[in-house]
Amino acid sequence: MSVENWILGFTLMGIGMGTVLVFLCVLIGSMRIMSTIVLYLNKIFPEKVETVQKAVKKMVSNDDEAIAVALAAIMARK
């Protein structure tokens, strides 16, 4: 391989990596700008937040039968 091919390869690699770097920087910058714009617009036009009240569940303990069966099984093993 000649030195010219190495130089051409590294030049092409540098151009490609530079292009990707510039694209990513532009992408990150535009995302930050859009985020700032959306935050500003949310202060001007806030969305209504609907509060949903949960139904209160009563804790009914109908486990007396299950406890009695478990105790009977324990006593039967002893």
N, C-alpha and C. Protein backbone atom coordinates (compact mmCIF):
# COMPACT_ATOMS: atom_id res chain seq x y z
N MET A 1 0.85 -1.18 0.00
CA MET A 1 0.00 0.00 0.00
C MET A 1 0.89 1.24 0.00
N SER A 2 0.47 2.18 -0.75
CA SER A 2 1.26 3.41 -0.83
C SER A 2 0.79 4.40 0.22
N VAL A 3 1.63 5.36 0.46
CA VAL A 3 1.33 6.39 1.45
C VAL A 3 0.16 7.24 0.98
N GLU A 4 0.02 7.41 -0.32
CA GLU A 4 -1.07 8.22 -0.85
C GLU A 4 -2.43 7.61 -0.52
N ASN A 5 -2.51 6.28 -0.57
CA ASN A 5 -3.77 5.62 -0.20
C ASN A 5 -4.09 5.82 1.27
N TRP A 6 -3.07 5.75 2.13
CA TRP A 6 -3.29 5.98 3.56
C TRP A 6 -3.78 7.40 3.80
N ILE A 7 -3.15 8.35 3.16
CA ILE A 7 -3.55 9.75 3.32
C ILE A 7 -4.98 9.96 2.82
N LEU A 8 -5.30 9.38 1.67
CA LEU A 8 -6.65 9.49 1.13
C LEU A 8 -7.68 8.84 2.07
N GLY A 9 -7.33 7.68 2.64
CA GLY A 9 -8.22 6.98 3.57
C GLY A 9 -8.47 7.79 4.83
N PHE A 10 -7.39 8.35 5.40
CA PHE A 10 -7.56 9.16 6.61
C PHE A 10 -8.31 10.45 6.33
N THR A 11 -8.11 11.03 5.16
CA THR A 11 -8.85 12.23 4.78
C THR A 11 -10.33 11.93 4.67
N LEU A 12 -10.66 10.82 4.00
CA LEU A 12 -12.06 10.43 3.87
C LEU A 12 -12.68 10.12 5.22
N MET A 13 -11.91 9.45 6.09
CA MET A 13 -12.41 9.14 7.43
C MET A 13 -12.65 10.42 8.22
N GLY A 14 -11.73 11.37 8.12
CA GLY A 14 -11.88 12.64 8.83
C GLY A 14 -13.09 13.42 8.35
N ILE A 15 -13.31 13.44 7.03
CA ILE A 15 -14.48 14.13 6.49
C ILE A 15 -15.76 13.46 6.97
N GLY A 16 -15.79 12.13 6.96
CA GLY A 16 -16.99 11.41 7.41
C GLY A 16 -17.27 11.63 8.89
N MET A 17 -16.24 11.52 9.72
CA MET A 17 -16.43 11.73 11.15
C MET A 17 -16.81 13.17 11.46
N GLY A 18 -16.24 14.11 10.72
CA GLY A 18 -16.59 15.52 10.91
C GLY A 18 -18.03 15.79 10.54
N THR A 19 -18.48 15.16 9.45
CA THR A 19 -19.88 15.33 9.03
C THR A 19 -20.83 14.79 10.09
N VAL A 20 -20.52 13.63 10.63
CA VAL A 20 -21.37 13.03 11.67
C VAL A 20 -21.35 13.90 12.92
N LEU A 21 -20.19 14.42 13.29
CA LEU A 21 -20.09 15.27 14.47
C LEU A 21 -20.93 16.54 14.31
N VAL A 22 -20.82 17.17 13.15
CA VAL A 22 -21.60 18.38 12.90
C VAL A 22 -23.09 18.07 12.93
N PHE A 23 -23.50 16.95 12.31
CA PHE A 23 -24.92 16.58 12.31
C PHE A 23 -25.42 16.36 13.73
N LEU A 24 -24.64 15.66 14.55
CA LEU A 24 -25.08 15.40 15.93
C LEU A 24 -25.14 16.69 16.74
N CYS A 25 -24.20 17.59 16.53
CA CYS A 25 -24.24 18.87 17.25
C CYS A 25 -25.47 19.68 16.85
N VAL A 26 -25.78 19.70 15.56
CA VAL A 26 -26.97 20.41 15.09
C VAL A 26 -28.23 19.76 15.66
N LEU A 27 -28.25 18.43 15.70
CA LEU A 27 -29.40 17.71 16.24
C LEU A 27 -29.60 18.03 17.72
N ILE A 28 -28.53 18.00 18.51
CA ILE A 28 -28.64 18.30 19.94
C ILE A 28 -29.06 19.75 20.15
N GLY A 29 -28.49 20.67 19.38
CA GLY A 29 -28.86 22.08 19.51
C GLY A 29 -30.32 22.32 19.17
N SER A 30 -30.79 21.70 18.09
CA SER A 30 -32.20 21.89 17.72
C SER A 30 -33.14 21.27 18.75
N MET A 31 -32.75 20.14 19.34
CA MET A 31 -33.59 19.53 20.38
C MET A 31 -33.67 20.44 21.61
N ARG A 32 -32.56 21.05 21.98
CA ARG A 32 -32.58 21.95 23.14
C ARG A 32 -33.44 23.18 22.86
N ILE A 33 -33.33 23.72 21.65
CA ILE A 33 -34.14 24.89 21.29
C ILE A 33 -35.62 24.53 21.30
N MET A 34 -35.98 23.37 20.73
CA MET A 34 -37.38 22.95 20.73
C MET A 34 -37.89 22.72 22.15
N SER A 35 -37.04 22.15 23.02
CA SER A 35 -37.43 21.92 24.40
C SER A 35 -37.71 23.24 25.11
N THR A 36 -36.85 24.23 24.87
CA THR A 36 -37.06 25.54 25.47
C THR A 36 -38.35 26.18 24.97
N ILE A 37 -38.61 26.05 23.67
CA ILE A 37 -39.84 26.61 23.11
C ILE A 37 -41.07 25.94 23.70
N VAL A 38 -41.04 24.61 23.83
CA VAL A 38 -42.19 23.89 24.38
C VAL A 38 -42.41 24.26 25.85
N LEU A 39 -41.33 24.38 26.62
CA LEU A 39 -41.48 24.79 28.02
C LEU A 39 -42.09 26.19 28.12
N TYR A 40 -41.67 27.08 27.25
CA TYR A 40 -42.24 28.44 27.25
C TYR A 40 -43.71 28.41 26.87
N LEU A 41 -44.05 27.63 25.85
CA LEU A 41 -45.45 27.54 25.43
C LEU A 41 -46.32 26.86 26.48
N ASN A 42 -45.76 25.92 27.24
CA ASN A 42 -46.53 25.28 28.31
C ASN A 42 -46.84 26.26 29.44
N LYS A 43 -45.97 27.25 29.63
CA LYS A 43 -46.28 28.27 30.64
C LYS A 43 -47.40 29.18 30.17
N ILE A 44 -47.44 29.45 28.87
CA ILE A 44 -48.48 30.32 28.32
C ILE A 44 -49.80 29.58 28.19
N PHE A 45 -49.77 28.37 27.64
CA PHE A 45 -50.98 27.58 27.41
C PHE A 45 -50.88 26.26 28.19
N PRO A 46 -51.10 26.29 29.50
CA PRO A 46 -50.97 25.04 30.27
C PRO A 46 -52.12 24.08 29.95
N GLU A 47 -51.82 22.81 30.03
CA GLU A 47 -52.84 21.79 29.82
C GLU A 47 -53.60 21.57 31.12
N LYS A 48 -54.89 21.27 30.99
CA LYS A 48 -55.68 20.96 32.18
C LYS A 48 -55.33 19.55 32.64
N VAL A 49 -55.12 19.42 33.93
CA VAL A 49 -54.81 18.13 34.51
C VAL A 49 -56.05 17.64 35.23
N GLU A 50 -56.58 16.55 34.75
CA GLU A 50 -57.77 15.99 35.37
C GLU A 50 -57.35 15.11 36.55
N THR A 51 -57.95 15.39 37.70
CA THR A 51 -57.64 14.57 38.86
C THR A 51 -58.71 13.50 38.98
N VAL A 52 -58.25 12.29 39.05
CA VAL A 52 -59.16 11.15 39.16
C VAL A 52 -59.08 10.65 40.59
N GLN A 53 -60.24 10.64 41.24
CA GLN A 53 -60.27 10.16 42.62
C GLN A 53 -60.51 8.66 42.59
N LYS A 54 -59.67 7.99 43.32
CA LYS A 54 -59.79 6.54 43.38
C LYS A 54 -60.90 6.14 44.35
N ALA A 55 -61.57 5.07 44.02
CA ALA A 55 -62.60 4.55 44.92
C ALA A 55 -61.91 3.89 46.11
N VAL A 56 -62.43 4.16 47.28
CA VAL A 56 -61.84 3.61 48.49
C VAL A 56 -62.34 2.18 48.65
N LYS A 57 -61.39 1.28 48.72
CA LYS A 57 -61.75 -0.12 48.91
C LYS A 57 -61.72 -0.45 50.39
N LYS A 58 -62.73 -1.14 50.81
CA LYS A 58 -62.77 -1.57 52.20
C LYS A 58 -62.06 -2.91 52.29
N MET A 59 -61.26 -3.02 53.29
CA MET A 59 -60.54 -4.28 53.52
C MET A 59 -61.46 -5.21 54.29
N VAL A 60 -62.03 -6.13 53.59
CA VAL A 60 -62.92 -7.10 54.22
C VAL A 60 -62.11 -8.36 54.46
N SER A 61 -62.11 -8.79 55.69
CA SER A 61 -61.33 -9.95 56.05
C SER A 61 -62.24 -11.17 56.16
N ASN A 62 -62.41 -11.87 55.07
CA ASN A 62 -63.16 -13.11 55.07
C ASN A 62 -62.21 -14.29 55.01
N ASP A 63 -61.05 -14.11 55.60
CA ASP A 63 -60.04 -15.15 55.57
C ASP A 63 -60.11 -16.06 56.79
N ASP A 64 -61.17 -15.94 57.59
CA ASP A 64 -61.28 -16.76 58.80
C ASP A 64 -61.28 -18.24 58.45
N GLU A 65 -61.99 -18.59 57.38
CA GLU A 65 -62.05 -19.99 56.97
C GLU A 65 -60.68 -20.48 56.51
N ALA A 66 -59.96 -19.66 55.75
CA ALA A 66 -58.64 -20.05 55.26
C ALA A 66 -57.66 -20.19 56.42
N ILE A 67 -57.78 -19.32 57.41
CA ILE A 67 -56.90 -19.41 58.59
C ILE A 67 -57.21 -20.67 59.37
N ALA A 68 -58.49 -21.00 59.50
CA ALA A 68 -58.88 -22.21 60.23
C ALA A 68 -58.34 -23.44 59.52
N VAL A 69 -58.40 -23.49 58.18
CA VAL A 69 -57.88 -24.63 57.43
C VAL A 69 -56.38 -24.74 57.60
N ALA A 70 -55.67 -23.60 57.56
CA ALA A 70 -54.22 -23.61 57.72
C ALA A 70 -53.83 -24.09 59.11
N LEU A 71 -54.55 -23.62 60.12
CA LEU A 71 -54.25 -24.07 61.49
C LEU A 71 -54.54 -25.55 61.66
N ALA A 72 -55.62 -26.05 61.04
CA ALA A 72 -55.94 -27.46 61.13
C ALA A 72 -54.85 -28.29 60.46
N ALA A 73 -54.31 -27.80 59.34
CA ALA A 73 -53.25 -28.54 58.66
C ALA A 73 -51.98 -28.56 59.50
N ILE A 74 -51.71 -27.45 60.18
CA ILE A 74 -50.52 -27.40 61.04
C ILE A 74 -50.68 -28.35 62.22
N MET A 75 -51.86 -28.35 62.81
CA MET A 75 -52.10 -29.22 63.96
C MET A 75 -52.07 -30.69 63.55
N ALA A 76 -52.50 -30.99 62.34
CA ALA A 76 -52.51 -32.38 61.89
C ALA A 76 -51.09 -32.88 61.67
N ARG A 77 -50.18 -32.02 61.32
CA ARG A 77 -48.79 -32.43 61.09
C ARG A 77 -48.06 -32.69 62.39
N LYS A 78 -48.47 -32.06 63.47
CA LYS A 78 -47.76 -32.22 64.75
C LYS A 78 -48.06 -33.52 65.39
